[in-house]
Amino acid sequence: MREIGGPVWENAVGAGHIAKVLQDDGFSVIGSDIVDRGWPGTIVRPFYSWDGRYENMGRAPAKIIFTNPPYGEITTRGHGRWLRHTFDMGVRYVAMLLSWEWIAGRMNGLDGLHNEFPVSRAYVCCWKIDFRGQGQAPQRNGWLVWDRDWQGETVLRRLFKDDTPKGQGRLL
C-alpha cells in the first residue's frame, strides 16, 4: 500500500474503526458511507454512485480501498456485486475483511468472480472477531487482498490478535 501511495478509501467507514487504525499507521484516509455514523469528514454517498466511467457520477477518490464491506453485497446473496463494482472503477489495491468462508464460495456467480479476480494475498485471523461484543463470535474472518498488478498464486498468511512481528501489523 505504501508503494502505491496516495490516500486510502474506507468506503464503508461507519464509526471509523478501520480508518482510525490506518490513520494511526500514517495513512491519509478518505471515509465514505451510506449514512454518517460518526467518522469525521464522512462523505455521505452510496458506494454504487461512485463510478470511474461516468464523470457526473464521480470517480473513485483513491486507488486503494481498505474496508469491511456490507456482507450482503459481497456474498453469494449479492453475487459479489461490491467487489465487481470496485474493479469496474479501476481501483488498484483492495483489502476486505470477510468471513473466511467467502473464499470457498461457489454459488450465485462467485466461482466466476474468483476466476476473474483471484485473491492476491489472504490473511486468516487466528481468532474470532467479536463484532457485537457478546463474547461468542460465530465465524472466522480474514483479510482478502486483491492487487491488480499481482502475479502468481495466492499467498496465505496467518494473523494473530497481538501486534507482534507476526501480528496484524504485517497486514499494513
C-alpha atoms as a PDB file:
ATOM      1  CA  MET A   1       0.000   0.000   0.000  1.00  0.00           C
ATOM      2  CA  ARG A   2       2.812   2.391   0.823  1.00  0.00           C
ATOM      3  CA  GLU A   3       4.451   1.745  -2.568  1.00  0.00           C
ATOM      4  CA  ILE A   4       1.233   2.667  -4.379  1.00  0.00           C
ATOM      5  CA  GLY A   5       0.926   5.873  -2.373  1.00  0.00           C
ATOM      6  CA  GLY A   6      -1.916   8.294  -2.004  1.00  0.00           C
ATOM      7  CA  PRO A   7      -4.883   8.146   0.300  1.00  0.00           C
ATOM      8  CA  VAL A   8      -6.752   5.014   1.359  1.00  0.00           C
ATOM      9  CA  TRP A   9     -10.502   4.944   0.805  1.00  0.00           C
ATOM     10  CA  GLU A  10     -12.557   3.291   3.533  1.00  0.00           C
ATOM     11  CA  ASN A  11     -15.813   3.081   1.584  1.00  0.00           C
ATOM     12  CA  ALA A  12     -17.926   1.601   4.394  1.00  0.00           C
ATOM     13  CA  VAL A  13     -16.326   3.756   7.087  1.00  0.00           C
ATOM     14  CA  GLY A  14     -19.085   3.639   9.716  1.00  0.00           C
ATOM     15  CA  ALA A  15     -17.735   4.974  13.009  1.00  0.00           C
ATOM     16  CA  GLY A  16     -14.179   4.740  11.651  1.00  0.00           C
ATOM     17  CA  HIS A  17     -12.738   1.722  13.464  1.00  0.00           C
ATOM     18  CA  ILE A  18     -10.639   0.638  10.461  1.00  0.00           C
ATOM     19  CA  ALA A  19      -9.980   4.211   9.323  1.00  0.00           C
ATOM     20  CA  LYS A  20      -8.504   5.104  12.731  1.00  0.00           C
ATOM     21  CA  VAL A  21      -6.043   2.178  12.597  1.00  0.00           C
ATOM     22  CA  LEU A  22      -4.993   3.204   9.086  1.00  0.00           C
ATOM     23  CA  GLN A  23      -4.630   6.842  10.112  1.00  0.00           C
ATOM     24  CA  ASP A  24      -2.630   5.896  13.231  1.00  0.00           C
ATOM     25  CA  ASP A  25      -0.270   3.959  10.943  1.00  0.00           C
ATOM     26  CA  GLY A  26       0.381   7.076   8.854  1.00  0.00           C
ATOM     27  CA  PHE A  27      -2.119   6.719   6.021  1.00  0.00           C
ATOM     28  CA  SER A  28      -4.321   9.555   4.790  1.00  0.00           C
ATOM     29  CA  VAL A  29      -7.899   8.201   4.870  1.00  0.00           C
ATOM     30  CA  ILE A  30     -10.982   9.190   2.901  1.00  0.00           C
ATOM     31  CA  GLY A  31     -14.132   7.833   4.533  1.00  0.00           C
ATOM     32  CA  SER A  32     -17.495   7.380   2.863  1.00  0.00           C
ATOM     33  CA  ASP A  33     -20.673   5.560   3.781  1.00  0.00           C
ATOM     34  CA  ILE A  34     -24.350   5.496   3.004  1.00  0.00           C
ATOM     35  CA  VAL A  35     -25.028   7.357   6.295  1.00  0.00           C
ATOM     36  CA  ASP A  36     -22.862   9.302   8.742  1.00  0.00           C
ATOM     37  CA  ARG A  37     -22.050   7.025  11.678  1.00  0.00           C
ATOM     38  CA  GLY A  38     -19.508   9.327  13.276  1.00  0.00           C
ATOM     39  CA  TRP A  39     -16.219   9.262  11.355  1.00  0.00           C
ATOM     40  CA  PRO A  40     -15.159  12.915  10.963  1.00  0.00           C
ATOM     41  CA  GLY A  41     -15.497  14.130   7.380  1.00  0.00           C
ATOM     42  CA  THR A  42     -17.549  11.159   6.190  1.00  0.00           C
ATOM     43  CA  ILE A  43     -18.692  11.621   2.609  1.00  0.00           C
ATOM     44  CA  VAL A  44     -22.328  10.524   2.752  1.00  0.00           C
ATOM     45  CA  ARG A  45     -22.856   8.757  -0.520  1.00  0.00           C
ATOM     46  CA  PRO A  46     -23.825   5.248  -1.646  1.00  0.00           C
ATOM     47  CA  PHE A  47     -20.878   3.187  -2.837  1.00  0.00           C
ATOM     48  CA  TYR A  48     -22.557   2.350  -6.135  1.00  0.00           C
ATOM     49  CA  SER A  49     -22.869   6.042  -7.019  1.00  0.00           C
ATOM     50  CA  TRP A  50     -19.073   6.190  -7.447  1.00  0.00           C
ATOM     51  CA  ASP A  51     -18.207   5.143 -10.951  1.00  0.00           C
ATOM     52  CA  GLY A  52     -14.996   5.927 -12.795  1.00  0.00           C
ATOM     53  CA  ARG A  53     -16.677   5.524 -16.170  1.00  0.00           C
ATOM     54  CA  TYR A  54     -19.071   8.447 -15.786  1.00  0.00           C
ATOM     55  CA  GLU A  55     -17.780  11.897 -14.898  1.00  0.00           C
ATOM     56  CA  ASN A  56     -21.124  13.057 -13.470  1.00  0.00           C
ATOM     57  CA  MET A  57     -21.196  10.136 -11.002  1.00  0.00           C
ATOM     58  CA  GLY A  58     -17.736  10.854  -9.610  1.00  0.00           C
ATOM     59  CA  ARG A  59     -14.553   8.904  -9.840  1.00  0.00           C
ATOM     60  CA  ALA A  60     -13.215   6.674  -7.074  1.00  0.00           C
ATOM     61  CA  PRO A  61     -11.405   9.034  -4.672  1.00  0.00           C
ATOM     62  CA  ALA A  62      -8.406   6.705  -4.196  1.00  0.00           C
ATOM     63  CA  LYS A  63      -6.523   3.819  -5.815  1.00  0.00           C
ATOM     64  CA  ILE A  64      -6.600   1.837  -2.560  1.00  0.00           C
ATOM     65  CA  ILE A  65      -9.673   0.533  -0.719  1.00  0.00           C
ATOM     66  CA  PHE A  66      -9.426  -0.967   2.758  1.00  0.00           C
ATOM     67  CA  THR A  67     -12.822  -1.929   4.203  1.00  0.00           C
ATOM     68  CA  ASN A  68     -15.226  -4.266   5.933  1.00  0.00           C
ATOM     69  CA  PRO A  69     -17.954  -4.258   3.242  1.00  0.00           C
ATOM     70  CA  PRO A  70     -21.632  -4.977   3.813  1.00  0.00           C
ATOM     71  CA  TYR A  71     -21.708  -8.772   3.670  1.00  0.00           C
ATOM     72  CA  GLY A  72     -24.981  -8.862   1.764  1.00  0.00           C
ATOM     73  CA  GLU A  73     -23.259  -7.089  -1.140  1.00  0.00           C
ATOM     74  CA  ILE A  74     -20.132  -9.251  -1.277  1.00  0.00           C
ATOM     75  CA  THR A  75     -21.558 -12.710  -0.512  1.00  0.00           C
ATOM     76  CA  THR A  76     -23.484 -15.109  -2.728  1.00  0.00           C
ATOM     77  CA  ARG A  77     -26.700 -13.234  -1.922  1.00  0.00           C
ATOM     78  CA  GLY A  78     -25.229 -10.111  -3.522  1.00  0.00           C
ATOM     79  CA  HIS A  79     -23.419 -12.093  -6.237  1.00  0.00           C
ATOM     80  CA  GLY A  80     -20.152 -10.396  -5.224  1.00  0.00           C
ATOM     81  CA  ARG A  81     -21.503  -7.093  -6.556  1.00  0.00           C
ATOM     82  CA  TRP A  82     -19.336  -4.951  -4.221  1.00  0.00           C
ATOM     83  CA  LEU A  83     -16.086  -6.483  -5.474  1.00  0.00           C
ATOM     84  CA  ARG A  84     -17.073  -6.312  -9.128  1.00  0.00           C
ATOM     85  CA  HIS A  85     -18.016  -2.630  -8.778  1.00  0.00           C
ATOM     86  CA  THR A  86     -14.677  -1.945  -7.067  1.00  0.00           C
ATOM     87  CA  PHE A  87     -12.760  -3.296 -10.060  1.00  0.00           C
ATOM     88  CA  ASP A  88     -15.099  -1.609 -12.558  1.00  0.00           C
ATOM     89  CA  MET A  89     -13.926   1.696 -11.038  1.00  0.00           C
ATOM     90  CA  GLY A  90     -10.294   0.840 -11.763  1.00  0.00           C
ATOM     91  CA  VAL A  91      -9.178   0.625  -8.125  1.00  0.00           C
ATOM     92  CA  ARG A  92      -5.631  -0.767  -7.908  1.00  0.00           C
ATOM     93  CA  TYR A  93      -5.494  -2.389  -4.455  1.00  0.00           C
ATOM     94  CA  VAL A  94      -8.341  -3.719  -2.315  1.00  0.00           C
ATOM     95  CA  ALA A  95      -8.308  -5.268   1.171  1.00  0.00           C
ATOM     96  CA  MET A  96     -11.611  -6.546   2.579  1.00  0.00           C
ATOM     97  CA  LEU A  97     -12.376  -8.091   5.933  1.00  0.00           C
ATOM     98  CA  LEU A  98     -14.604 -11.062   5.099  1.00  0.00           C
ATOM     99  CA  SER A  99     -15.831 -14.298   6.561  1.00  0.00           C
ATOM    100  CA  TRP A 100     -13.198 -16.934   5.912  1.00  0.00           C
ATOM    101  CA  GLU A 101     -15.961 -18.943   4.226  1.00  0.00           C
ATOM    102  CA  TRP A 102     -16.188 -16.320   1.456  1.00  0.00           C
ATOM    103  CA  ILE A 103     -13.107 -17.531  -0.377  1.00  0.00           C
ATOM    104  CA  ALA A 104     -14.669 -21.010  -0.665  1.00  0.00           C
ATOM    105  CA  GLY A 105     -17.986 -19.674  -2.031  1.00  0.00           C
ATOM    106  CA  ARG A 106     -19.127 -21.093  -5.343  1.00  0.00           C
ATOM    107  CA  MET A 107     -22.811 -20.231  -5.754  1.00  0.00           C
ATOM    108  CA  ASN A 108     -24.506 -17.298  -7.479  1.00  0.00           C
ATOM    109  CA  GLY A 109     -21.565 -16.372  -9.649  1.00  0.00           C
ATOM    110  CA  LEU A 110     -18.821 -16.435  -7.018  1.00  0.00           C
ATOM    111  CA  ASP A 111     -16.917 -19.147  -8.904  1.00  0.00           C
ATOM    112  CA  GLY A 112     -16.648 -16.840 -11.904  1.00  0.00           C
ATOM    113  CA  LEU A 113     -15.760 -13.897  -9.685  1.00  0.00           C
ATOM    114  CA  HIS A 114     -12.934 -15.878  -8.057  1.00  0.00           C
ATOM    115  CA  ASN A 115     -11.618 -16.805 -11.504  1.00  0.00           C
ATOM    116  CA  GLU A 116     -11.889 -13.268 -12.859  1.00  0.00           C
ATOM    117  CA  PHE A 117     -10.469 -11.552  -9.758  1.00  0.00           C
ATOM    118  CA  PRO A 118      -8.205 -14.023  -7.938  1.00  0.00           C
ATOM    119  CA  VAL A 119      -7.141 -13.099  -4.412  1.00  0.00           C
ATOM    120  CA  SER A 120      -3.500 -11.955  -4.243  1.00  0.00           C
ATOM    121  CA  ARG A 121      -2.989 -12.435  -0.521  1.00  0.00           C
ATOM    122  CA  ALA A 122      -5.179 -13.947   2.182  1.00  0.00           C
ATOM    123  CA  TYR A 123      -4.611 -13.235   5.875  1.00  0.00           C
ATOM    124  CA  VAL A 124      -6.623 -15.560   8.106  1.00  0.00           C
ATOM    125  CA  CYS A 125      -7.374 -14.195  11.587  1.00  0.00           C
ATOM    126  CA  CYS A 126      -6.302 -16.822  14.120  1.00  0.00           C
ATOM    127  CA  TRP A 127      -9.061 -15.696  16.489  1.00  0.00           C
ATOM    128  CA  LYS A 128     -12.747 -14.969  16.053  1.00  0.00           C
ATOM    129  CA  ILE A 129     -13.643 -11.289  15.932  1.00  0.00           C
ATOM    130  CA  ASP A 130     -16.467 -10.419  18.323  1.00  0.00           C
ATOM    131  CA  PHE A 131     -18.181  -7.677  16.297  1.00  0.00           C
ATOM    132  CA  ARG A 132     -21.190  -7.440  18.632  1.00  0.00           C
ATOM    133  CA  GLY A 133     -19.335  -7.619  21.950  1.00  0.00           C
ATOM    134  CA  GLN A 134     -21.308 -10.634  23.127  1.00  0.00           C
ATOM    135  CA  GLY A 135     -18.310 -12.893  23.672  1.00  0.00           C
ATOM    136  CA  GLN A 136     -19.252 -15.610  21.183  1.00  0.00           C
ATOM    137  CA  ALA A 137     -18.149 -14.747  17.682  1.00  0.00           C
ATOM    138  CA  PRO A 138     -19.917 -17.052  15.216  1.00  0.00           C
ATOM    139  CA  GLN A 139     -17.404 -17.067  12.390  1.00  0.00           C
ATOM    140  CA  ARG A 140     -13.743 -16.859  11.497  1.00  0.00           C
ATOM    141  CA  ASN A 141     -12.688 -13.851   9.450  1.00  0.00           C
ATOM    142  CA  GLY A 142      -9.758 -12.886   7.320  1.00  0.00           C
ATOM    143  CA  TRP A 143      -8.415 -10.068   5.205  1.00  0.00           C
ATOM    144  CA  LEU A 144      -8.526 -10.822   1.498  1.00  0.00           C
ATOM    145  CA  VAL A 145      -6.339  -8.627  -0.694  1.00  0.00           C
ATOM    146  CA  TRP A 146      -6.563  -8.030  -4.419  1.00  0.00           C
ATOM    147  CA  ASP A 147      -3.695  -6.240  -6.127  1.00  0.00           C
ATOM    148  CA  ARG A 148      -4.307  -5.546  -9.807  1.00  0.00           C
ATOM    149  CA  ASP A 149      -0.596  -5.923 -10.546  1.00  0.00           C
ATOM    150  CA  TRP A 150      -0.152  -9.208  -8.623  1.00  0.00           C
ATOM    151  CA  GLN A 151       1.488 -12.091 -10.450  1.00  0.00           C
ATOM    152  CA  GLY A 152       1.366 -15.692  -9.281  1.00  0.00           C
ATOM    153  CA  GLU A 153      -0.573 -17.772  -6.824  1.00  0.00           C
ATOM    154  CA  THR A 154      -2.475 -16.556  -3.781  1.00  0.00           C
ATOM    155  CA  VAL A 155      -0.221 -16.124  -0.751  1.00  0.00           C
ATOM    156  CA  LEU A 156      -1.649 -17.244   2.596  1.00  0.00           C
ATOM    157  CA  ARG A 157      -0.570 -15.650   5.872  1.00  0.00           C
ATOM    158  CA  ARG A 158      -1.777 -16.075   9.440  1.00  0.00           C
ATOM    159  CA  LEU A 159      -2.592 -13.074  11.652  1.00  0.00           C
ATOM    160  CA  PHE A 160      -2.570 -13.142  15.422  1.00  0.00           C
ATOM    161  CA  LYS A 161      -4.519 -10.836  17.697  1.00  0.00           C
ATOM    162  CA  ASP A 162      -1.444  -9.341  19.317  1.00  0.00           C
ATOM    163  CA  ASP A 163       0.634  -6.917  17.273  1.00  0.00           C
ATOM    164  CA  THR A 164       3.934  -8.785  17.403  1.00  0.00           C
ATOM    165  CA  PRO A 165       6.044  -9.137  14.234  1.00  0.00           C
ATOM    166  CA  LYS A 166       3.679 -11.975  13.250  1.00  0.00           C
ATOM    167  CA  GLY A 167       0.582  -9.944  14.227  1.00  0.00           C
ATOM    168  CA  GLN A 168      -1.857  -7.690  12.458  1.00  0.00           C
ATOM    169  CA  GLY A 169       0.810  -5.097  11.800  1.00  0.00           C
ATOM    170  CA  ARG A 170       2.036  -7.328   8.955  1.00  0.00           C
ATOM    171  CA  LEU A 171      -1.125  -6.503   7.024  1.00  0.00           C
ATOM    172  CA  LEU A 172      -0.235  -2.805   6.786  1.00  0.00           C
END
